[in-house]
N, C-alpha and C. Protein backbone atom coordinates (compact mmCIF):
# COMPACT_ATOMS: atom_id res chain seq x y z
N MET A 1 0.77 -1.05 0.31
CA MET A 1 -0.20 0.18 -0.08
C MET A 1 0.93 1.40 -0.10
N THR A 2 0.49 2.01 -0.73
CA THR A 2 1.41 3.78 -0.77
C THR A 2 0.94 4.34 -0.15
N GLU A 3 1.73 5.17 0.62
CA GLU A 3 1.42 6.32 1.32
C GLU A 3 0.92 7.57 0.90
N THR A 4 -0.38 8.10 1.30
CA THR A 4 -0.75 8.95 0.61
C THR A 4 0.51 10.35 1.02
N PRO A 5 0.31 11.50 0.35
CA PRO A 5 1.22 12.91 0.53
C PRO A 5 0.05 13.41 2.29
N THR A 6 -0.83 13.22 2.32
CA THR A 6 -1.37 14.12 3.71
C THR A 6 -1.08 13.01 4.80
N ALA A 7 -1.37 11.92 4.43
CA ALA A 7 -1.13 10.72 5.52
C ALA A 7 0.60 10.60 6.26
N SER A 8 0.17 10.75 7.60
CA SER A 8 1.56 11.05 8.51
C SER A 8 2.33 9.58 8.73
N HIS A 9 3.59 9.78 8.17
CA HIS A 9 4.17 8.59 8.49
C HIS A 9 5.02 8.65 9.56
N LEU A 10 4.47 9.53 10.72
CA LEU A 10 5.11 9.61 11.94
C LEU A 10 4.17 8.74 12.74
N SER A 11 4.69 8.20 13.72
CA SER A 11 3.18 7.39 14.49
C SER A 11 3.01 8.38 15.56
N THR A 12 2.02 8.00 16.49
CA THR A 12 1.11 8.90 17.54
C THR A 12 2.21 9.10 18.52
N VAL A 13 3.11 8.44 19.38
CA VAL A 13 4.13 8.27 19.97
C VAL A 13 4.96 9.68 19.73
N GLN A 14 5.43 9.31 18.38
CA GLN A 14 6.42 10.56 17.84
C GLN A 14 5.91 12.01 17.69
N LEU A 15 4.37 11.95 17.12
CA LEU A 15 4.14 13.22 16.95
C LEU A 15 3.46 13.74 18.36
N GLN A 16 3.49 12.96 19.34
CA GLN A 16 3.32 13.47 20.69
C GLN A 16 4.70 14.06 21.37
N SER A 17 5.40 13.48 21.24
CA SER A 17 7.08 13.51 21.79
C SER A 17 6.90 15.16 21.26
N LEU A 18 7.05 15.54 19.93
CA LEU A 18 7.64 16.40 18.85
C LEU A 18 6.52 17.36 19.37
N ARG A 19 5.30 17.46 19.34
CA ARG A 19 4.31 18.11 19.81
C ARG A 19 4.89 19.15 21.49
N GLN A 20 5.08 17.88 22.40
CA GLN A 20 5.35 18.49 23.37
C GLN A 20 6.51 19.43 23.36
N ASP A 21 7.92 19.01 22.62
CA ASP A 21 9.10 19.68 22.44
C ASP A 21 8.07 20.97 21.92
N LEU A 22 7.80 20.93 20.88
CA LEU A 22 7.09 22.17 20.32
C LEU A 22 6.72 23.48 21.27
N GLU A 23 5.70 22.86 22.22
CA GLU A 23 5.07 23.06 23.21
C GLU A 23 5.59 23.90 24.39
N GLU A 24 6.69 22.96 24.65
CA GLU A 24 7.81 23.44 25.57
C GLU A 24 8.61 24.92 24.88
N GLN A 25 8.88 24.73 23.84
CA GLN A 25 10.03 25.68 23.40
C GLN A 25 9.15 27.10 23.22
N LEU A 26 7.31 26.71 22.83
CA LEU A 26 6.83 28.22 22.82
C LEU A 26 6.51 28.84 24.12
N GLU A 27 6.34 27.88 24.97
CA GLU A 27 6.25 28.24 26.33
C GLU A 27 7.77 29.15 26.96
N ARG A 28 8.74 28.86 26.59
CA ARG A 28 10.15 29.27 26.98
C ARG A 28 10.35 30.78 26.14
N ARG A 29 9.68 30.63 24.71
CA ARG A 29 9.77 31.63 24.13
C ARG A 29 9.00 33.01 24.39
N SER A 30 7.88 32.56 24.74
CA SER A 30 6.80 33.25 25.30
C SER A 30 7.28 34.12 26.53
N ARG A 31 7.76 33.47 27.66
CA ARG A 31 8.08 33.80 28.82
C ARG A 31 9.28 35.09 28.28
N HIS A 32 10.47 34.42 27.67
CA HIS A 32 11.49 35.40 27.20
C HIS A 32 10.88 36.65 26.57
N LEU A 33 10.10 36.30 25.57
CA LEU A 33 9.49 37.50 25.09
C LEU A 33 8.76 38.68 25.72
N LEU A 34 8.01 38.08 26.96
CA LEU A 34 7.79 39.09 27.69
C LEU A 34 8.79 39.63 28.59
N GLY A 35 9.35 39.02 29.14
CA GLY A 35 10.61 39.67 29.58
C GLY A 35 11.46 41.05 28.64
N LEU A 36 11.65 40.59 27.68
CA LEU A 36 12.06 41.40 26.50
C LEU A 36 10.95 42.46 26.62
N ARG A 37 9.80 42.44 26.29
CA ARG A 37 9.19 43.61 26.43
C ARG A 37 9.26 44.33 27.82
N ALA A 38 9.24 43.53 28.70
CA ALA A 38 9.13 44.46 30.27
C ALA A 38 10.65 44.95 30.09
N GLU A 39 11.66 44.72 29.85
CA GLU A 39 12.69 45.54 29.68
C GLU A 39 13.01 46.61 28.72
N ALA A 40 12.02 46.22 27.52
CA ALA A 40 11.90 47.70 26.77
C ALA A 40 11.21 48.72 27.05
N GLU A 41 10.20 48.30 27.79
CA GLU A 41 9.12 49.06 28.68
C GLU A 41 9.83 50.28 30.11
N ASP A 42 10.97 49.44 30.39
CA ASP A 42 11.75 49.73 31.68
C ASP A 42 12.61 50.96 31.05
N SER A 43 13.36 50.77 29.98
CA SER A 43 14.79 51.01 29.48
C SER A 43 14.08 52.37 28.62
N GLY A 44 12.77 52.40 28.22
CA GLY A 44 12.44 53.49 27.38
C GLY A 44 13.44 53.90 26.25
N GLY A 45 14.45 52.92 25.84
CA GLY A 45 15.03 53.16 24.82
C GLY A 45 16.31 54.53 25.06
N ALA A 46 16.68 54.64 26.42
CA ALA A 46 17.29 55.56 26.93
C ALA A 46 18.93 55.40 26.72
N ASP A 47 19.29 53.39 26.72
CA ASP A 47 20.68 53.72 26.58
C ASP A 47 21.11 52.91 25.53
N GLY A 48 22.13 52.93 24.93
CA GLY A 48 22.63 51.85 23.55
C GLY A 48 22.31 50.85 23.52
N THR A 49 21.75 50.37 24.09
CA THR A 49 21.33 48.62 23.75
C THR A 49 19.86 48.70 23.30
N TRP A 50 19.14 49.96 22.99
CA TRP A 50 17.94 49.99 22.02
C TRP A 50 17.83 49.03 21.11
N GLN A 51 18.88 49.23 20.25
CA GLN A 51 18.78 48.40 18.94
C GLN A 51 19.16 46.84 19.10
N GLU A 52 19.87 46.53 20.07
CA GLU A 52 19.84 45.32 20.47
C GLU A 52 18.70 44.37 20.89
N LEU A 53 18.20 45.32 21.77
CA LEU A 53 16.84 44.96 22.22
C LEU A 53 15.62 44.68 21.15
N LEU A 54 15.49 45.58 20.32
CA LEU A 54 14.49 45.33 19.21
C LEU A 54 14.75 44.36 18.65
N ALA A 55 16.36 44.35 17.96
CA ALA A 55 16.52 43.22 17.46
C ALA A 55 16.35 41.42 18.16
N SER A 56 16.03 41.70 19.61
CA SER A 56 16.19 40.39 20.25
C SER A 56 14.21 40.15 20.12
N LEU A 57 13.61 41.73 20.42
CA LEU A 57 12.42 41.36 20.31
C LEU A 57 11.47 40.90 18.81
N SER A 58 12.31 41.09 17.91
CA SER A 58 12.09 40.88 16.40
C SER A 58 12.29 39.15 16.48
N ALA A 59 13.32 38.73 16.67
CA ALA A 59 13.93 37.50 16.70
C ALA A 59 12.94 36.41 17.53
N ALA A 60 12.38 37.11 18.84
CA ALA A 60 11.48 36.31 19.53
C ALA A 60 10.20 36.25 19.01
N ASP A 61 9.86 37.50 18.34
CA ASP A 61 8.64 37.02 17.54
C ASP A 61 8.72 36.47 16.62
N ARG A 62 9.47 36.40 15.85
CA ARG A 62 9.75 35.56 14.64
C ARG A 62 9.77 33.88 14.84
N ALA A 63 10.56 33.60 16.13
CA ALA A 63 10.61 32.23 16.60
C ALA A 63 8.95 31.50 17.13
N ILE A 64 8.45 32.94 17.77
CA ILE A 64 6.86 32.59 18.18
C ILE A 64 6.43 32.16 17.29
N ALA A 65 6.40 32.83 16.01
CA ALA A 65 5.13 32.44 14.80
C ALA A 65 5.75 31.15 14.29
N GLU A 66 6.95 30.94 13.92
CA GLU A 66 7.51 29.72 13.57
C GLU A 66 7.14 28.17 14.58
N LEU A 67 6.88 28.69 15.65
CA LEU A 67 6.29 27.45 16.62
C LEU A 67 4.99 27.41 16.37
N ASN A 68 4.40 28.39 16.50
CA ASN A 68 3.05 28.47 16.00
C ASN A 68 2.62 27.81 14.55
N GLN A 69 3.30 28.44 13.55
CA GLN A 69 2.95 27.35 12.35
C GLN A 69 3.32 26.29 12.45
N ALA A 70 4.24 25.65 13.21
CA ALA A 70 4.58 24.26 13.07
C ALA A 70 3.55 23.66 13.83
N LEU A 71 2.91 24.19 14.82
CA LEU A 71 1.89 23.21 15.44
C LEU A 71 0.51 23.34 14.89
N GLY A 72 0.24 24.65 13.85
CA GLY A 72 -0.86 24.50 12.96
C GLY A 72 -0.77 23.60 11.97
N ARG A 73 0.52 23.13 11.46
CA ARG A 73 0.96 22.07 10.52
C ARG A 73 0.73 20.65 10.97
N MET A 74 0.73 20.72 12.45
CA MET A 74 1.01 19.64 13.31
C MET A 74 -0.86 19.28 13.14
N ASP A 75 -1.69 20.15 13.18
CA ASP A 75 -3.06 20.44 13.81
C ASP A 75 -3.70 20.00 12.06
N GLU A 76 -3.14 20.40 11.09
CA GLU A 76 -3.61 19.80 9.90
C GLU A 76 -3.28 18.82 9.21
N GLY A 77 -2.00 18.23 9.99
CA GLY A 77 -1.56 16.82 9.26
C GLY A 77 -0.82 17.07 8.40
N SER A 78 -0.12 17.93 8.04
CA SER A 78 0.98 18.33 7.22
C SER A 78 2.42 18.42 7.74
N PHE A 79 2.67 18.62 9.34
CA PHE A 79 3.87 18.48 9.69
C PHE A 79 4.67 17.33 9.41
N GLY A 80 5.86 17.39 9.42
CA GLY A 80 6.66 16.25 8.97
C GLY A 80 6.56 16.05 7.66
N ARG A 81 6.42 16.35 6.77
CA ARG A 81 6.17 16.45 5.23
C ARG A 81 7.17 17.79 4.57
N CYS A 82 7.77 16.94 3.81
CA CYS A 82 8.70 18.51 3.11
C CYS A 82 7.43 19.41 2.53
N ALA A 83 8.03 20.55 2.81
CA ALA A 83 7.12 21.53 2.01
C ALA A 83 7.02 21.41 0.52
N HIS A 84 8.29 20.95 -0.23
CA HIS A 84 8.56 21.07 -1.51
C HIS A 84 8.32 20.05 -2.47
N CYS A 85 8.89 18.49 -2.09
CA CYS A 85 8.52 17.48 -2.64
C CYS A 85 7.52 16.36 -1.90
N ARG A 86 7.19 16.91 -0.63
CA ARG A 86 5.82 16.45 0.27
C ARG A 86 6.51 14.74 1.18
N THR A 87 7.61 14.52 0.46
CA THR A 87 7.99 13.42 1.49
C THR A 87 8.03 13.47 2.84
N GLY A 88 8.41 12.43 3.67
CA GLY A 88 8.19 12.40 4.83
C GLY A 88 9.63 12.59 5.60
N ILE A 89 9.76 13.71 6.34
CA ILE A 89 10.61 13.60 6.98
C ILE A 89 11.11 13.25 8.08
N PRO A 90 12.19 12.51 8.34
CA PRO A 90 12.31 11.30 9.22
C PRO A 90 12.11 12.04 10.72
N PHE A 91 11.98 11.23 11.67
CA PHE A 91 11.53 11.49 12.90
C PHE A 91 13.06 12.01 13.25
N GLU A 92 14.39 11.51 13.09
CA GLU A 92 15.40 11.75 13.98
C GLU A 92 15.55 13.45 13.86
N ARG A 93 15.22 13.61 12.17
CA ARG A 93 15.78 14.94 11.69
C ARG A 93 14.78 16.11 12.35
N LEU A 94 13.18 15.79 12.67
CA LEU A 94 12.64 16.81 13.37
C LEU A 94 12.84 16.59 14.56
N LYS A 95 13.03 15.39 15.27
CA LYS A 95 13.66 15.74 16.82
C LYS A 95 14.70 16.33 17.08
N ILE A 96 15.69 17.06 16.07
CA ILE A 96 16.53 17.73 16.36
C ILE A 96 16.33 19.27 15.59
N ARG A 97 15.54 19.11 14.95
CA ARG A 97 15.30 20.39 14.02
C ARG A 97 13.52 20.15 14.06
N PRO A 98 12.87 20.84 14.93
CA PRO A 98 11.31 20.16 14.82
C PRO A 98 10.61 21.24 13.84
N LEU A 99 11.35 22.36 13.76
CA LEU A 99 11.16 23.29 12.78
C LEU A 99 11.18 22.82 11.34
N ALA A 100 11.88 22.30 11.05
CA ALA A 100 12.47 21.28 9.79
C ALA A 100 10.92 21.88 8.94
N ARG A 101 11.32 22.35 7.78
CA ARG A 101 10.08 22.13 6.52
C ARG A 101 10.14 21.38 5.48
N TYR A 102 11.79 21.34 5.32
CA TYR A 102 12.10 20.35 4.31
C TYR A 102 12.88 19.12 4.44
N CYS A 103 12.81 18.35 3.41
CA CYS A 103 13.70 16.83 3.49
C CYS A 103 15.29 17.13 3.24
N ILE A 104 15.91 16.66 3.68
CA ILE A 104 17.44 17.12 3.82
C ILE A 104 17.87 17.34 2.09
N GLY A 105 17.09 16.14 1.25
CA GLY A 105 17.57 16.75 -0.02
C GLY A 105 17.24 18.10 -0.59
N CYS A 106 16.03 18.43 -0.57
CA CYS A 106 15.36 19.87 -0.71
C CYS A 106 16.05 20.89 -0.01
N GLN A 107 16.50 20.60 1.16
CA GLN A 107 17.27 21.47 1.86
C GLN A 107 18.53 21.88 1.35
N ARG A 108 19.29 20.54 1.23
CA ARG A 108 20.49 20.94 0.46
C ARG A 108 20.32 21.50 -1.02
N ARG A 109 19.60 21.50 -2.02
CA ARG A 109 19.43 22.43 -3.04
C ARG A 109 18.97 23.35 -2.81
N ALA A 110 18.27 23.87 -1.99
CA ALA A 110 17.73 25.16 -1.77
C ALA A 110 18.76 26.00 -0.91
N GLU A 111 20.05 25.74 -0.34
CA GLU A 111 21.16 26.03 0.43
C GLU A 111 22.03 26.27 -0.86
N ALA A 112 21.97 25.32 -1.89
CA ALA A 112 22.99 25.36 -2.80
C ALA A 112 22.72 26.66 -3.65
N ALA A 113 21.43 27.14 -4.31
CA ALA A 113 21.28 27.53 -5.13
C ALA A 113 21.35 29.09 -4.87
């Protein structure tokens, strides 16, 4: 039997593990973002670190958005599939890089371009 592009190649246990990792990262990043926002309010841009603080806020916002997108893909059933060729991304790769959107072959081709 062939696997359909939308069917998950990951087991329920693997998906649960990855979801837990993503949710923990989201919680940590959200707490970090709250701390950065409080720091920004306290500093009022008075010192030279304002640019660094803005960059940190922007990076934290992006990371949270990426985590939410990954959780959304998980909810819709497309998580763990290459965004380019639709093949399954191995659990081992997702465990190391849970935000990976491409299989290794497509990722290498994109980096080489």
